[in-house]
Amino acid sequence: MRENPSPSSLTINELPDDQKDKVISGLEQGTVKLDGANGRVFFEQLLTNTQEGFFADPVYGGNRDMAGWKMIGFPGARYDYRDWVERHNERYPLPPVGITGRLEWVPKPT
């Protein structure tokens, strides 16, 4: 962090958490002004990209450990789960599988 910075000279990752929340809320409400961009439009794009990253296949760099899929019970890229399509409000018993397979199947670097 810079020595004696003013709040407006800090990047968002340098702000205290409560100030980060205020900036993000301000972007969402359109009250935070950005140089060269509409804050509300920026927030909408940020939200969309965050959701895409959280729920995408981990092969693309987001959704670490398939956390997003585990949270919603998504089976991932399984070749067949048709037996479960009509079974509403039942937890799928198997862990999710990504495009490259399950985490346990991928060799760990040594």
N, C-alpha and C. Protein backbone atom coordinates (compact mmCIF):
# COMPACT_ATOMS: atom_id res chain seq x y z
N MET A 1 0.84 -1.17 0.00
CA MET A 1 0.00 0.00 0.00
C MET A 1 0.90 1.25 0.00
N ARG A 2 0.46 2.25 -0.68
CA ARG A 2 1.25 3.48 -0.75
C ARG A 2 1.25 4.22 0.57
N GLU A 3 2.33 4.96 0.84
CA GLU A 3 2.43 5.73 2.07
C GLU A 3 1.48 6.93 2.01
N ASN A 4 0.61 7.06 3.01
CA ASN A 4 -0.36 8.15 3.12
C ASN A 4 -1.17 8.37 1.83
N PRO A 5 -1.76 7.32 1.29
CA PRO A 5 -2.53 7.52 0.05
C PRO A 5 -3.87 8.17 0.31
N SER A 6 -4.37 8.90 -0.67
CA SER A 6 -5.74 9.40 -0.57
C SER A 6 -6.65 8.30 -1.11
N PRO A 7 -7.89 8.20 -0.61
CA PRO A 7 -8.78 7.12 -1.06
C PRO A 7 -8.94 7.07 -2.58
N SER A 8 -8.95 8.21 -3.25
CA SER A 8 -9.16 8.21 -4.69
C SER A 8 -7.93 7.75 -5.46
N SER A 9 -6.76 7.68 -4.81
CA SER A 9 -5.56 7.25 -5.52
C SER A 9 -5.31 5.75 -5.37
N LEU A 10 -6.15 5.06 -4.60
CA LEU A 10 -5.96 3.63 -4.37
C LEU A 10 -6.67 2.81 -5.43
N THR A 11 -6.10 1.65 -5.72
CA THR A 11 -6.82 0.68 -6.56
C THR A 11 -7.81 -0.04 -5.65
N ILE A 12 -8.77 -0.71 -6.23
CA ILE A 12 -9.81 -1.34 -5.40
C ILE A 12 -9.24 -2.40 -4.48
N ASN A 13 -8.21 -3.11 -4.91
CA ASN A 13 -7.65 -4.14 -4.04
C ASN A 13 -6.86 -3.54 -2.87
N GLU A 14 -6.56 -2.25 -2.90
CA GLU A 14 -5.86 -1.58 -1.80
C GLU A 14 -6.84 -0.98 -0.78
N LEU A 15 -8.10 -0.92 -1.11
CA LEU A 15 -9.10 -0.33 -0.21
C LEU A 15 -9.47 -1.31 0.90
N PRO A 16 -9.86 -0.79 2.08
CA PRO A 16 -10.42 -1.66 3.12
C PRO A 16 -11.72 -2.28 2.61
N ASP A 17 -12.07 -3.43 3.15
CA ASP A 17 -13.24 -4.17 2.66
C ASP A 17 -14.52 -3.35 2.68
N ASP A 18 -14.76 -2.55 3.72
CA ASP A 18 -16.00 -1.77 3.77
C ASP A 18 -16.04 -0.74 2.64
N GLN A 19 -14.89 -0.19 2.28
CA GLN A 19 -14.84 0.77 1.17
C GLN A 19 -15.02 0.07 -0.17
N LYS A 20 -14.50 -1.15 -0.30
CA LYS A 20 -14.71 -1.93 -1.52
C LYS A 20 -16.21 -2.13 -1.74
N ASP A 21 -16.90 -2.50 -0.66
CA ASP A 21 -18.36 -2.70 -0.75
C ASP A 21 -19.07 -1.43 -1.21
N LYS A 22 -18.64 -0.28 -0.69
CA LYS A 22 -19.25 1.00 -1.08
C LYS A 22 -19.00 1.30 -2.55
N VAL A 23 -17.79 1.04 -3.02
CA VAL A 23 -17.47 1.29 -4.43
C VAL A 23 -18.31 0.39 -5.33
N ILE A 24 -18.38 -0.89 -4.99
CA ILE A 24 -19.15 -1.84 -5.82
C ILE A 24 -20.63 -1.48 -5.79
N SER A 25 -21.16 -1.12 -4.63
CA SER A 25 -22.57 -0.69 -4.55
C SER A 25 -22.80 0.56 -5.37
N GLY A 26 -21.85 1.49 -5.31
CA GLY A 26 -21.95 2.72 -6.08
C GLY A 26 -21.92 2.46 -7.58
N LEU A 27 -21.09 1.51 -8.00
CA LEU A 27 -21.07 1.13 -9.42
C LEU A 27 -22.42 0.54 -9.82
N GLU A 28 -22.93 -0.33 -8.98
CA GLU A 28 -24.22 -0.97 -9.27
C GLU A 28 -25.35 0.05 -9.37
N GLN A 29 -25.33 1.05 -8.50
CA GLN A 29 -26.38 2.07 -8.48
C GLN A 29 -26.13 3.19 -9.48
N GLY A 30 -24.93 3.21 -10.08
CA GLY A 30 -24.61 4.26 -11.04
C GLY A 30 -24.16 5.55 -10.41
N THR A 31 -23.83 5.55 -9.11
CA THR A 31 -23.40 6.78 -8.44
C THR A 31 -21.89 6.97 -8.45
N VAL A 32 -21.13 5.91 -8.75
CA VAL A 32 -19.68 6.03 -8.86
C VAL A 32 -19.35 6.32 -10.32
N LYS A 33 -18.62 7.39 -10.53
CA LYS A 33 -18.25 7.80 -11.89
C LYS A 33 -16.86 7.28 -12.22
N LEU A 34 -16.69 6.74 -13.40
CA LEU A 34 -15.40 6.26 -13.88
C LEU A 34 -14.95 7.11 -15.05
N ASP A 35 -13.65 7.30 -15.17
CA ASP A 35 -13.11 8.02 -16.33
C ASP A 35 -13.24 7.14 -17.56
N GLY A 36 -13.95 7.59 -18.55
CA GLY A 36 -14.04 6.89 -19.83
C GLY A 36 -14.97 5.70 -19.86
N ALA A 37 -15.76 5.49 -18.80
CA ALA A 37 -16.68 4.35 -18.80
C ALA A 37 -17.88 4.67 -17.91
N ASN A 38 -18.99 4.07 -18.24
CA ASN A 38 -20.19 4.20 -17.44
C ASN A 38 -20.09 3.19 -16.29
N GLY A 39 -20.15 3.66 -15.04
CA GLY A 39 -19.99 2.79 -13.88
C GLY A 39 -21.02 1.67 -13.82
N ARG A 40 -22.26 1.99 -14.16
CA ARG A 40 -23.33 0.97 -14.13
C ARG A 40 -23.09 -0.11 -15.17
N VAL A 41 -22.71 0.29 -16.38
CA VAL A 41 -22.42 -0.67 -17.44
C VAL A 41 -21.21 -1.53 -17.06
N PHE A 42 -20.20 -0.90 -16.47
CA PHE A 42 -19.02 -1.63 -16.01
C PHE A 42 -19.42 -2.67 -14.96
N PHE A 43 -20.27 -2.28 -14.00
CA PHE A 43 -20.71 -3.21 -12.97
C PHE A 43 -21.44 -4.40 -13.59
N GLU A 44 -22.33 -4.14 -14.52
CA GLU A 44 -23.09 -5.22 -15.16
C GLU A 44 -22.15 -6.20 -15.87
N GLN A 45 -21.13 -5.67 -16.55
CA GLN A 45 -20.17 -6.54 -17.23
C GLN A 45 -19.33 -7.32 -16.22
N LEU A 46 -18.92 -6.66 -15.14
CA LEU A 46 -18.16 -7.31 -14.09
C LEU A 46 -18.96 -8.45 -13.46
N LEU A 47 -20.23 -8.20 -13.18
CA LEU A 47 -21.09 -9.23 -12.60
C LEU A 47 -21.24 -10.41 -13.56
N THR A 48 -21.48 -10.14 -14.83
CA THR A 48 -21.61 -11.20 -15.82
C THR A 48 -20.33 -12.03 -15.90
N ASN A 49 -19.18 -11.37 -15.98
CA ASN A 49 -17.91 -12.09 -16.08
C ASN A 49 -17.61 -12.90 -14.82
N THR A 50 -17.99 -12.36 -13.67
CA THR A 50 -17.78 -13.09 -12.41
C THR A 50 -18.64 -14.35 -12.38
N GLN A 51 -19.90 -14.23 -12.79
CA GLN A 51 -20.77 -15.40 -12.83
C GLN A 51 -20.25 -16.43 -13.83
N GLU A 52 -19.81 -15.98 -14.99
CA GLU A 52 -19.26 -16.91 -15.98
C GLU A 52 -18.05 -17.65 -15.42
N GLY A 53 -17.17 -16.92 -14.75
CA GLY A 53 -15.98 -17.54 -14.19
C GLY A 53 -16.29 -18.51 -13.08
N PHE A 54 -17.29 -18.19 -12.27
CA PHE A 54 -17.64 -19.03 -11.13
C PHE A 54 -18.31 -20.32 -11.57
N PHE A 55 -19.05 -20.29 -12.66
CA PHE A 55 -19.78 -21.47 -13.09
C PHE A 55 -19.21 -22.15 -14.33
N ALA A 56 -18.13 -21.63 -14.89
CA ALA A 56 -17.53 -22.24 -16.08
C ALA A 56 -16.76 -23.50 -15.70
N ASP A 57 -16.42 -24.28 -16.70
CA ASP A 57 -15.56 -25.43 -16.46
C ASP A 57 -14.20 -24.95 -15.97
N PRO A 58 -13.63 -25.59 -14.97
CA PRO A 58 -12.34 -25.16 -14.43
C PRO A 58 -11.21 -25.12 -15.46
N VAL A 59 -11.36 -25.82 -16.55
CA VAL A 59 -10.30 -25.81 -17.58
C VAL A 59 -10.06 -24.39 -18.11
N TYR A 60 -11.05 -23.51 -17.96
CA TYR A 60 -10.92 -22.14 -18.45
C TYR A 60 -10.36 -21.18 -17.41
N GLY A 61 -10.01 -21.67 -16.23
CA GLY A 61 -9.32 -20.85 -15.25
C GLY A 61 -10.15 -20.34 -14.09
N GLY A 62 -11.44 -20.56 -14.09
CA GLY A 62 -12.30 -20.15 -12.98
C GLY A 62 -12.85 -21.38 -12.27
N ASN A 63 -13.82 -21.18 -11.40
CA ASN A 63 -14.52 -22.28 -10.74
C ASN A 63 -13.53 -23.27 -10.10
N ARG A 64 -12.58 -22.74 -9.34
CA ARG A 64 -11.54 -23.58 -8.73
C ARG A 64 -12.16 -24.70 -7.92
N ASP A 65 -11.64 -25.88 -8.09
CA ASP A 65 -12.11 -27.09 -7.40
C ASP A 65 -13.59 -27.36 -7.64
N MET A 66 -14.12 -26.80 -8.73
CA MET A 66 -15.53 -26.97 -9.11
C MET A 66 -16.47 -26.49 -8.01
N ALA A 67 -16.04 -25.49 -7.26
CA ALA A 67 -16.82 -24.99 -6.12
C ALA A 67 -18.20 -24.51 -6.53
N GLY A 68 -18.30 -23.80 -7.66
CA GLY A 68 -19.60 -23.31 -8.13
C GLY A 68 -20.54 -24.46 -8.46
N TRP A 69 -20.02 -25.47 -9.10
CA TRP A 69 -20.84 -26.63 -9.46
C TRP A 69 -21.27 -27.39 -8.22
N LYS A 70 -20.35 -27.57 -7.28
CA LYS A 70 -20.70 -28.29 -6.04
C LYS A 70 -21.79 -27.53 -5.29
N MET A 71 -21.69 -26.20 -5.29
CA MET A 71 -22.66 -25.37 -4.56
C MET A 71 -24.08 -25.58 -5.09
N ILE A 72 -24.24 -25.71 -6.41
CA ILE A 72 -25.59 -25.84 -6.97
C ILE A 72 -25.95 -27.28 -7.34
N GLY A 73 -25.02 -28.23 -7.10
CA GLY A 73 -25.30 -29.63 -7.40
C GLY A 73 -25.24 -29.98 -8.87
N PHE A 74 -24.49 -29.21 -9.65
CA PHE A 74 -24.36 -29.48 -11.08
C PHE A 74 -23.39 -30.64 -11.31
N PRO A 75 -23.76 -31.64 -12.11
CA PRO A 75 -22.89 -32.80 -12.30
C PRO A 75 -21.68 -32.55 -13.20
N GLY A 76 -21.66 -31.41 -13.86
CA GLY A 76 -20.53 -31.12 -14.74
C GLY A 76 -20.67 -31.76 -16.10
N ALA A 77 -19.54 -32.12 -16.67
CA ALA A 77 -19.51 -32.65 -18.04
C ALA A 77 -19.60 -34.18 -18.05
N ARG A 78 -20.47 -34.73 -17.25
CA ARG A 78 -20.66 -36.18 -17.24
C ARG A 78 -21.26 -36.62 -18.57
N TYR A 79 -20.87 -37.79 -19.00
CA TYR A 79 -21.36 -38.26 -20.29
C TYR A 79 -22.83 -38.65 -20.24
N ASP A 80 -23.35 -38.99 -19.05
CA ASP A 80 -24.74 -39.41 -19.00
C ASP A 80 -25.27 -39.30 -17.57
N TYR A 81 -26.26 -38.48 -17.38
CA TYR A 81 -26.96 -38.42 -16.10
C TYR A 81 -28.46 -38.30 -16.34
N ARG A 82 -28.91 -38.90 -17.45
CA ARG A 82 -30.33 -38.84 -17.82
C ARG A 82 -31.24 -39.41 -16.74
N ASP A 83 -30.75 -40.43 -16.01
CA ASP A 83 -31.59 -41.02 -14.95
C ASP A 83 -31.94 -40.01 -13.87
N TRP A 84 -31.20 -38.91 -13.80
CA TRP A 84 -31.40 -37.93 -12.74
C TRP A 84 -32.13 -36.68 -13.21
N VAL A 85 -32.38 -36.54 -14.49
CA VAL A 85 -32.98 -35.32 -15.03
C VAL A 85 -34.36 -35.05 -14.42
N GLU A 86 -35.17 -36.04 -14.24
CA GLU A 86 -36.53 -35.87 -13.71
C GLU A 86 -36.60 -36.02 -12.19
N ARG A 87 -35.48 -36.21 -11.53
CA ARG A 87 -35.47 -36.40 -10.07
C ARG A 87 -35.24 -35.06 -9.40
N HIS A 88 -36.29 -34.28 -9.29
CA HIS A 88 -36.20 -32.94 -8.72
C HIS A 88 -36.04 -32.98 -7.21
N ASN A 89 -35.34 -31.98 -6.68
CA ASN A 89 -35.13 -31.82 -5.24
C ASN A 89 -34.40 -32.99 -4.59
N GLU A 90 -33.63 -33.72 -5.38
CA GLU A 90 -32.77 -34.78 -4.85
C GLU A 90 -31.33 -34.40 -5.15
N ARG A 91 -30.48 -34.57 -4.16
CA ARG A 91 -29.06 -34.26 -4.35
C ARG A 91 -28.42 -35.34 -5.22
N TYR A 92 -27.70 -34.89 -6.25
CA TYR A 92 -26.96 -35.81 -7.12
C TYR A 92 -25.81 -36.38 -6.31
N PRO A 93 -25.66 -37.70 -6.24
CA PRO A 93 -24.71 -38.30 -5.30
C PRO A 93 -23.24 -38.31 -5.74
N LEU A 94 -22.98 -38.04 -6.99
CA LEU A 94 -21.61 -38.13 -7.49
C LEU A 94 -20.98 -36.75 -7.62
N PRO A 95 -19.67 -36.66 -7.46
CA PRO A 95 -19.01 -35.35 -7.59
C PRO A 95 -19.01 -34.89 -9.05
N PRO A 96 -18.91 -33.59 -9.27
CA PRO A 96 -18.89 -33.08 -10.65
C PRO A 96 -17.63 -33.51 -11.39
N VAL A 97 -17.76 -33.52 -12.70
CA VAL A 97 -16.65 -33.88 -13.59
C VAL A 97 -16.47 -32.74 -14.58
N GLY A 98 -15.24 -32.26 -14.72
CA GLY A 98 -14.94 -31.22 -15.70
C GLY A 98 -14.58 -31.82 -17.05
N ILE A 99 -14.32 -30.97 -18.01
CA ILE A 99 -13.95 -31.43 -19.35
C ILE A 99 -12.72 -32.32 -19.29
N THR A 100 -11.78 -32.01 -18.40
CA THR A 100 -10.55 -32.81 -18.30
C THR A 100 -10.69 -33.95 -17.30
N GLY A 101 -11.88 -34.16 -16.75
CA GLY A 101 -12.09 -35.24 -15.78
C GLY A 101 -12.24 -34.68 -14.38
N ARG A 102 -12.17 -35.57 -13.42
CA ARG A 102 -12.27 -35.16 -12.02
C ARG A 102 -10.92 -34.72 -11.52
N LEU A 103 -10.92 -33.90 -10.50
CA LEU A 103 -9.68 -33.38 -9.94
C LEU A 103 -8.73 -34.50 -9.53
N GLU A 104 -9.28 -35.58 -8.99
CA GLU A 104 -8.45 -36.70 -8.54
C GLU A 104 -7.77 -37.42 -9.71
N TRP A 105 -8.29 -37.24 -10.92
CA TRP A 105 -7.73 -37.93 -12.07
C TRP A 105 -6.56 -37.19 -12.70
N VAL A 106 -6.44 -35.91 -12.37
CA VAL A 106 -5.39 -35.07 -12.98
C VAL A 106 -4.12 -35.18 -12.14
N PRO A 107 -2.99 -35.58 -12.76
CA PRO A 107 -1.75 -35.70 -11.99
C PRO A 107 -1.33 -34.35 -11.39
N LYS A 108 -0.87 -34.40 -10.17
CA LYS A 108 -0.38 -33.20 -9.50
C LYS A 108 1.10 -33.02 -9.84
N PRO A 109 1.51 -31.76 -10.08
CA PRO A 109 2.93 -31.52 -10.37
C PRO A 109 3.77 -31.87 -9.13
N THR A 110 4.92 -32.42 -9.38
CA THR A 110 5.80 -32.78 -8.25
C THR A 110 6.96 -31.85 -8.12
